[in-house]
Amino acid sequence: MAGVKKTAKELAEMVADEIGVHVSAVKVFKDKTYGWRPEVYVAPQHAETIKQAADEAARELRTKYALAD
């Protein structure tokens, strides 16, 4: 895992910026497997596409950032 620690709020802001949604639609949670994971709250018709984009953004961001405890 990456060494630069970021808060859940900071990571949510980065994911939101990356996928083009409002920051209030993204929450970041601790994850035993990946260190952290994004959860996106959007309208059902957009959920799958946005979730996939958030997961891809998280994969890239995890190479640089870890969730601060």
PDB file of N, CA and C in Angstrom:
ATOM      1  N   MET A   1       0.824  -1.180   0.000  1.00  0.00           N
ATOM      2  CA  MET A   1       0.000   0.000   0.000  1.00  0.00           C
ATOM      3  C   MET A   1       0.866   1.241   0.000  1.00  0.00           C
ATOM      4  N   ALA A   2       0.279   2.304  -0.460  1.00  0.00           N
ATOM      5  CA  ALA A   2       1.004   3.571  -0.574  1.00  0.00           C
ATOM      6  C   ALA A   2       1.267   4.164   0.799  1.00  0.00           C
ATOM      7  N   GLY A   3       2.250   5.047   0.864  1.00  0.00           N
ATOM      8  CA  GLY A   3       2.639   5.614   2.129  1.00  0.00           C
ATOM      9  C   GLY A   3       1.993   6.935   2.478  1.00  0.00           C
ATOM     10  N   VAL A   4       1.453   7.690   1.519  1.00  0.00           N
ATOM     11  CA  VAL A   4       0.885   8.998   1.811  1.00  0.00           C
ATOM     12  C   VAL A   4      -0.517   8.799   2.392  1.00  0.00           C
ATOM     13  N   LYS A   5      -0.696   9.233   3.620  1.00  0.00           N
ATOM     14  CA  LYS A   5      -1.979   9.060   4.308  1.00  0.00           C
ATOM     15  C   LYS A   5      -2.915  10.229   4.006  1.00  0.00           C
ATOM     16  N   LYS A   6      -4.161   9.901   3.723  1.00  0.00           N
ATOM     17  CA  LYS A   6      -5.212  10.883   3.470  1.00  0.00           C
ATOM     18  C   LYS A   6      -6.433  10.492   4.287  1.00  0.00           C
ATOM     19  N   THR A   7      -7.210  11.485   4.682  1.00  0.00           N
ATOM     20  CA  THR A   7      -8.445  11.203   5.397  1.00  0.00           C
ATOM     21  C   THR A   7      -9.483  10.643   4.425  1.00  0.00           C
ATOM     22  N   ALA A   8     -10.523  10.050   4.981  1.00  0.00           N
ATOM     23  CA  ALA A   8     -11.608   9.531   4.143  1.00  0.00           C
ATOM     24  C   ALA A   8     -12.234  10.654   3.325  1.00  0.00           C
ATOM     25  N   LYS A   9     -12.371  11.826   3.921  1.00  0.00           N
ATOM     26  CA  LYS A   9     -12.945  12.973   3.206  1.00  0.00           C
ATOM     27  C   LYS A   9     -12.058  13.387   2.035  1.00  0.00           C
ATOM     28  N   GLU A  10     -10.746  13.428   2.250  1.00  0.00           N
ATOM     29  CA  GLU A  10      -9.822  13.801   1.168  1.00  0.00           C
ATOM     30  C   GLU A  10      -9.880  12.785   0.030  1.00  0.00           C
ATOM     31  N   LEU A  11      -9.917  11.510   0.381  1.00  0.00           N
ATOM     32  CA  LEU A  11      -9.988  10.464  -0.646  1.00  0.00           C
ATOM     33  C   LEU A  11     -11.315  10.540  -1.398  1.00  0.00           C
ATOM     34  N   ALA A  12     -12.404  10.798  -0.687  1.00  0.00           N
ATOM     35  CA  ALA A  12     -13.715  10.935  -1.345  1.00  0.00           C
ATOM     36  C   ALA A  12     -13.699  12.098  -2.317  1.00  0.00           C
ATOM     37  N   GLU A  13     -13.075  13.209  -1.930  1.00  0.00           N
ATOM     38  CA  GLU A  13     -12.970  14.361  -2.832  1.00  0.00           C
ATOM     39  C   GLU A  13     -12.183  14.006  -4.087  1.00  0.00           C
ATOM     40  N   MET A  14     -11.102  13.259  -3.933  1.00  0.00           N
ATOM     41  CA  MET A  14     -10.297  12.870  -5.094  1.00  0.00           C
ATOM     42  C   MET A  14     -11.069  11.949  -6.029  1.00  0.00           C
ATOM     43  N   VAL A  15     -11.786  10.979  -5.458  1.00  0.00           N
ATOM     44  CA  VAL A  15     -12.587  10.066  -6.287  1.00  0.00           C
ATOM     45  C   VAL A  15     -13.672  10.862  -7.005  1.00  0.00           C
ATOM     46  N   ALA A  16     -14.369  11.722  -6.285  1.00  0.00           N
ATOM     47  CA  ALA A  16     -15.443  12.528  -6.889  1.00  0.00           C
ATOM     48  C   ALA A  16     -14.919  13.380  -8.035  1.00  0.00           C
ATOM     49  N   ASP A  17     -13.777  14.015  -7.829  1.00  0.00           N
ATOM     50  CA  ASP A  17     -13.181  14.829  -8.899  1.00  0.00           C
ATOM     51  C   ASP A  17     -12.852  13.972 -10.111  1.00  0.00           C
ATOM     52  N   GLU A  18     -12.309  12.809  -9.856  1.00  0.00           N
ATOM     53  CA  GLU A  18     -11.890  11.913 -10.937  1.00  0.00           C
ATOM     54  C   GLU A  18     -13.072  11.433 -11.786  1.00  0.00           C
ATOM     55  N   ILE A  19     -14.199  11.147 -11.145  1.00  0.00           N
ATOM     56  CA  ILE A  19     -15.330  10.573 -11.884  1.00  0.00           C
ATOM     57  C   ILE A  19     -16.396  11.601 -12.244  1.00  0.00           C
ATOM     58  N   GLY A  20     -16.237  12.840 -11.775  1.00  0.00           N
ATOM     59  CA  GLY A  20     -17.143  13.903 -12.174  1.00  0.00           C
ATOM     60  C   GLY A  20     -18.486  13.924 -11.467  1.00  0.00           C
ATOM     61  N   VAL A  21     -18.500  13.547 -10.179  1.00  0.00           N
ATOM     62  CA  VAL A  21     -19.727  13.655  -9.396  1.00  0.00           C
ATOM     63  C   VAL A  21     -19.481  14.596  -8.220  1.00  0.00           C
ATOM     64  N   HIS A  22     -20.556  15.055  -7.602  1.00  0.00           N
ATOM     65  CA  HIS A  22     -20.435  15.929  -6.438  1.00  0.00           C
ATOM     66  C   HIS A  22     -19.836  15.126  -5.282  1.00  0.00           C
ATOM     67  N   VAL A  23     -18.992  15.757  -4.510  1.00  0.00           N
ATOM     68  CA  VAL A  23     -18.301  15.081  -3.421  1.00  0.00           C
ATOM     69  C   VAL A  23     -19.286  14.468  -2.417  1.00  0.00           C
ATOM     70  N   SER A  24     -20.464  15.041  -2.269  1.00  0.00           N
ATOM     71  CA  SER A  24     -21.436  14.485  -1.326  1.00  0.00           C
ATOM     72  C   SER A  24     -21.962  13.112  -1.758  1.00  0.00           C
ATOM     73  N   ALA A  25     -21.723  12.721  -3.014  1.00  0.00           N
ATOM     74  CA  ALA A  25     -22.172  11.425  -3.513  1.00  0.00           C
ATOM     75  C   ALA A  25     -21.176  10.306  -3.229  1.00  0.00           C
ATOM     76  N   VAL A  26     -20.005  10.642  -2.672  1.00  0.00           N
ATOM     77  CA  VAL A  26     -18.952   9.640  -2.453  1.00  0.00           C
ATOM     78  C   VAL A  26     -18.573   9.589  -0.981  1.00  0.00           C
ATOM     79  N   LYS A  27     -18.522   8.401  -0.454  1.00  0.00           N
ATOM     80  CA  LYS A  27     -18.015   8.154   0.897  1.00  0.00           C
ATOM     81  C   LYS A  27     -16.907   7.113   0.777  1.00  0.00           C
ATOM     82  N   VAL A  28     -15.908   7.230   1.630  1.00  0.00           N
ATOM     83  CA  VAL A  28     -14.803   6.268   1.628  1.00  0.00           C
ATOM     84  C   VAL A  28     -14.812   5.520   2.956  1.00  0.00           C
ATOM     85  N   PHE A  29     -14.660   4.204   2.866  1.00  0.00           N
ATOM     86  CA  PHE A  29     -14.670   3.338   4.031  1.00  0.00           C
ATOM     87  C   PHE A  29     -13.405   2.498   4.088  1.00  0.00           C
ATOM     88  N   LYS A  30     -13.004   2.144   5.294  1.00  0.00           N
ATOM     89  CA  LYS A  30     -11.880   1.234   5.491  1.00  0.00           C
ATOM     90  C   LYS A  30     -12.262  -0.128   4.940  1.00  0.00           C
ATOM     91  N   ASP A  31     -11.303  -0.806   4.332  1.00  0.00           N
ATOM     92  CA  ASP A  31     -11.534  -2.121   3.738  1.00  0.00           C
ATOM     93  C   ASP A  31     -10.364  -3.025   4.098  1.00  0.00           C
ATOM     94  N   LYS A  32     -10.657  -4.223   4.584  1.00  0.00           N
ATOM     95  CA  LYS A  32      -9.591  -5.149   4.997  1.00  0.00           C
ATOM     96  C   LYS A  32      -8.731  -5.612   3.833  1.00  0.00           C
ATOM     97  N   THR A  33      -9.328  -5.762   2.682  1.00  0.00           N
ATOM     98  CA  THR A  33      -8.591  -6.262   1.521  1.00  0.00           C
ATOM     99  C   THR A  33      -7.784  -5.167   0.828  1.00  0.00           C
ATOM    100  N   TYR A  34      -8.412  -4.041   0.570  1.00  0.00           N
ATOM    101  CA  TYR A  34      -7.793  -2.986  -0.235  1.00  0.00           C
ATOM    102  C   TYR A  34      -7.269  -1.794   0.560  1.00  0.00           C
ATOM    103  N   GLY A  35      -7.559  -1.726   1.835  1.00  0.00           N
ATOM    104  CA  GLY A  35      -7.156  -0.589   2.650  1.00  0.00           C
ATOM    105  C   GLY A  35      -8.271   0.427   2.760  1.00  0.00           C
ATOM    106  N   TRP A  36      -8.901   0.747   1.627  1.00  0.00           N
ATOM    107  CA  TRP A  36     -10.063   1.628   1.593  1.00  0.00           C
ATOM    108  C   TRP A  36     -10.832   1.389   0.309  1.00  0.00           C
ATOM    109  N   ARG A  37     -12.116   1.774   0.355  1.00  0.00           N
ATOM    110  CA  ARG A  37     -12.965   1.611  -0.829  1.00  0.00           C
ATOM    111  C   ARG A  37     -13.971   2.741  -0.895  1.00  0.00           C
ATOM    112  N   PRO A  38     -14.316   3.173  -2.103  1.00  0.00           N
ATOM    113  CA  PRO A  38     -15.334   4.212  -2.243  1.00  0.00           C
ATOM    114  C   PRO A  38     -16.724   3.591  -2.343  1.00  0.00           C
ATOM    115  N   GLU A  39     -17.683   4.288  -1.854  1.00  0.00           N
ATOM    116  CA  GLU A  39     -19.092   3.937  -2.019  1.00  0.00           C
ATOM    117  C   GLU A  39     -19.742   5.163  -2.643  1.00  0.00           C
ATOM    118  N   VAL A  40     -20.485   4.957  -3.735  1.00  0.00           N
ATOM    119  CA  VAL A  40     -21.066   6.071  -4.480  1.00  0.00           C
ATOM    120  C   VAL A  40     -22.587   5.996  -4.388  1.00  0.00           C
ATOM    121  N   TYR A  41     -23.196   7.141  -4.107  1.00  0.00           N
ATOM    122  CA  TYR A  41     -24.646   7.241  -3.960  1.00  0.00           C
ATOM    123  C   TYR A  41     -25.201   8.129  -5.075  1.00  0.00           C
ATOM    124  N   VAL A  42     -25.744   7.480  -6.107  1.00  0.00           N
ATOM    125  CA  VAL A  42     -26.302   8.190  -7.262  1.00  0.00           C
ATOM    126  C   VAL A  42     -27.621   7.534  -7.653  1.00  0.00           C
ATOM    127  N   ALA A  43     -28.312   8.149  -8.598  1.00  0.00           N
ATOM    128  CA  ALA A  43     -29.576   7.603  -9.091  1.00  0.00           C
ATOM    129  C   ALA A  43     -29.357   6.205  -9.659  1.00  0.00           C
ATOM    130  N   PRO A  44     -30.314   5.316  -9.463  1.00  0.00           N
ATOM    131  CA  PRO A  44     -30.160   3.925  -9.907  1.00  0.00           C
ATOM    132  C   PRO A  44     -29.784   3.761 -11.377  1.00  0.00           C
ATOM    133  N   GLN A  45     -30.301   4.616 -12.249  1.00  0.00           N
ATOM    134  CA  GLN A  45     -30.008   4.457 -13.669  1.00  0.00           C
ATOM    135  C   GLN A  45     -28.538   4.723 -14.000  1.00  0.00           C
ATOM    136  N   HIS A  46     -27.818   5.395 -13.104  1.00  0.00           N
ATOM    137  CA  HIS A  46     -26.406   5.697 -13.322  1.00  0.00           C
ATOM    138  C   HIS A  46     -25.484   4.885 -12.413  1.00  0.00           C
ATOM    139  N   ALA A  47     -26.057   4.123 -11.514  1.00  0.00           N
ATOM    140  CA  ALA A  47     -25.283   3.487 -10.452  1.00  0.00           C
ATOM    141  C   ALA A  47     -24.161   2.587 -10.963  1.00  0.00           C
ATOM    142  N   GLU A  48     -24.439   1.709 -11.881  1.00  0.00           N
ATOM    143  CA  GLU A  48     -23.420   0.744 -12.314  1.00  0.00           C
ATOM    144  C   GLU A  48     -22.244   1.431 -13.004  1.00  0.00           C
ATOM    145  N   THR A  49     -22.530   2.355 -13.891  1.00  0.00           N
ATOM    146  CA  THR A  49     -21.475   3.070 -14.609  1.00  0.00           C
ATOM    147  C   THR A  49     -20.614   3.886 -13.658  1.00  0.00           C
ATOM    148  N   ILE A  50     -21.256   4.612 -12.750  1.00  0.00           N
ATOM    149  CA  ILE A  50     -20.526   5.456 -11.804  1.00  0.00           C
ATOM    150  C   ILE A  50     -19.743   4.601 -10.823  1.00  0.00           C
ATOM    151  N   LYS A  51     -20.319   3.490 -10.376  1.00  0.00           N
ATOM    152  CA  LYS A  51     -19.612   2.600  -9.451  1.00  0.00           C
ATOM    153  C   LYS A  51     -18.347   2.049 -10.105  1.00  0.00           C
ATOM    154  N   GLN A  52     -18.443   1.634 -11.354  1.00  0.00           N
ATOM    155  CA  GLN A  52     -17.267   1.128 -12.061  1.00  0.00           C
ATOM    156  C   GLN A  52     -16.199   2.203 -12.189  1.00  0.00           C
ATOM    157  N   ALA A  53     -16.609   3.425 -12.497  1.00  0.00           N
ATOM    158  CA  ALA A  53     -15.657   4.535 -12.606  1.00  0.00           C
ATOM    159  C   ALA A  53     -15.000   4.813 -11.255  1.00  0.00           C
ATOM    160  N   ALA A  54     -15.776   4.763 -10.178  1.00  0.00           N
ATOM    161  CA  ALA A  54     -15.236   4.996  -8.836  1.00  0.00           C
ATOM    162  C   ALA A  54     -14.239   3.905  -8.451  1.00  0.00           C
ATOM    163  N   ASP A  55     -14.559   2.662  -8.786  1.00  0.00           N
ATOM    164  CA  ASP A  55     -13.642   1.557  -8.481  1.00  0.00           C
ATOM    165  C   ASP A  55     -12.326   1.709  -9.241  1.00  0.00           C
ATOM    166  N   GLU A  56     -12.402   2.124 -10.494  1.00  0.00           N
ATOM    167  CA  GLU A  56     -11.192   2.338 -11.295  1.00  0.00           C
ATOM    168  C   GLU A  56     -10.374   3.495 -10.728  1.00  0.00           C
ATOM    169  N   ALA A  57     -11.037   4.574 -10.365  1.00  0.00           N
ATOM    170  CA  ALA A  57     -10.337   5.713  -9.760  1.00  0.00           C
ATOM    171  C   ALA A  57      -9.659   5.295  -8.459  1.00  0.00           C
ATOM    172  N   ALA A  58     -10.358   4.513  -7.655  1.00  0.00           N
ATOM    173  CA  ALA A  58      -9.787   4.042  -6.387  1.00  0.00           C
ATOM    174  C   ALA A  58      -8.561   3.168  -6.630  1.00  0.00           C
ATOM    175  N   ARG A  59      -8.609   2.298  -7.626  1.00  0.00           N
ATOM    176  CA  ARG A  59      -7.436   1.456  -7.941  1.00  0.00           C
ATOM    177  C   ARG A  59      -6.214   2.318  -8.234  1.00  0.00           C
ATOM    178  N   GLU A  60      -6.408   3.364  -9.001  1.00  0.00           N
ATOM    179  CA  GLU A  60      -5.295   4.262  -9.333  1.00  0.00           C
ATOM    180  C   GLU A  60      -4.834   5.058  -8.109  1.00  0.00           C
ATOM    181  N   LEU A  61      -5.786   5.576  -7.353  1.00  0.00           N
ATOM    182  CA  LEU A  61      -5.430   6.387  -6.182  1.00  0.00           C
ATOM    183  C   LEU A  61      -4.761   5.562  -5.081  1.00  0.00           C
ATOM    184  N   ARG A  62      -5.125   4.294  -4.958  1.00  0.00           N
ATOM    185  CA  ARG A  62      -4.504   3.438  -3.939  1.00  0.00           C
ATOM    186  C   ARG A  62      -3.009   3.246  -4.176  1.00  0.00           C
ATOM    187  N   THR A  63      -2.544   3.459  -5.402  1.00  0.00           N
ATOM    188  CA  THR A  63      -1.100   3.336  -5.658  1.00  0.00           C
ATOM    189  C   THR A  63      -0.336   4.483  -5.037  1.00  0.00           C
ATOM    190  N   LYS A  64      -1.028   5.574  -4.681  1.00  0.00           N
ATOM    191  CA  LYS A  64      -0.373   6.750  -4.121  1.00  0.00           C
ATOM    192  C   LYS A  64      -0.796   7.049  -2.678  1.00  0.00           C
ATOM    193  N   TYR A  65      -2.036   6.680  -2.332  1.00  0.00           N
ATOM    194  CA  TYR A  65      -2.604   7.127  -1.059  1.00  0.00           C
ATOM    195  C   TYR A  65      -3.186   5.978  -0.244  1.00  0.00           C
ATOM    196  N   ALA A  66      -3.025   6.099   1.059  1.00  0.00           N
ATOM    197  CA  ALA A  66      -3.615   5.157   2.004  1.00  0.00           C
ATOM    198  C   ALA A  66      -4.581   5.917   2.907  1.00  0.00           C
ATOM    199  N   LEU A  67      -5.533   5.217   3.466  1.00  0.00           N
ATOM    200  CA  LEU A  67      -6.484   5.829   4.375  1.00  0.00           C
ATOM    201  C   LEU A  67      -5.844   6.039   5.737  1.00  0.00           C
ATOM    202  N   ALA A  68      -5.882   7.270   6.216  1.00  0.00           N
ATOM    203  CA  ALA A  68      -5.364   7.591   7.553  1.00  0.00           C
ATOM    204  C   ALA A  68      -6.332   7.034   8.582  1.00  0.00           C
ATOM    205  N   ASP A  69      -5.811   6.492   9.642  1.00  0.00           N
ATOM    206  CA  ASP A  69      -6.672   5.937  10.696  1.00  0.00           C
ATOM    207  C   ASP A  69      -7.249   6.975  11.585  1.00  0.00           C
TER     208      ASP A  69
END
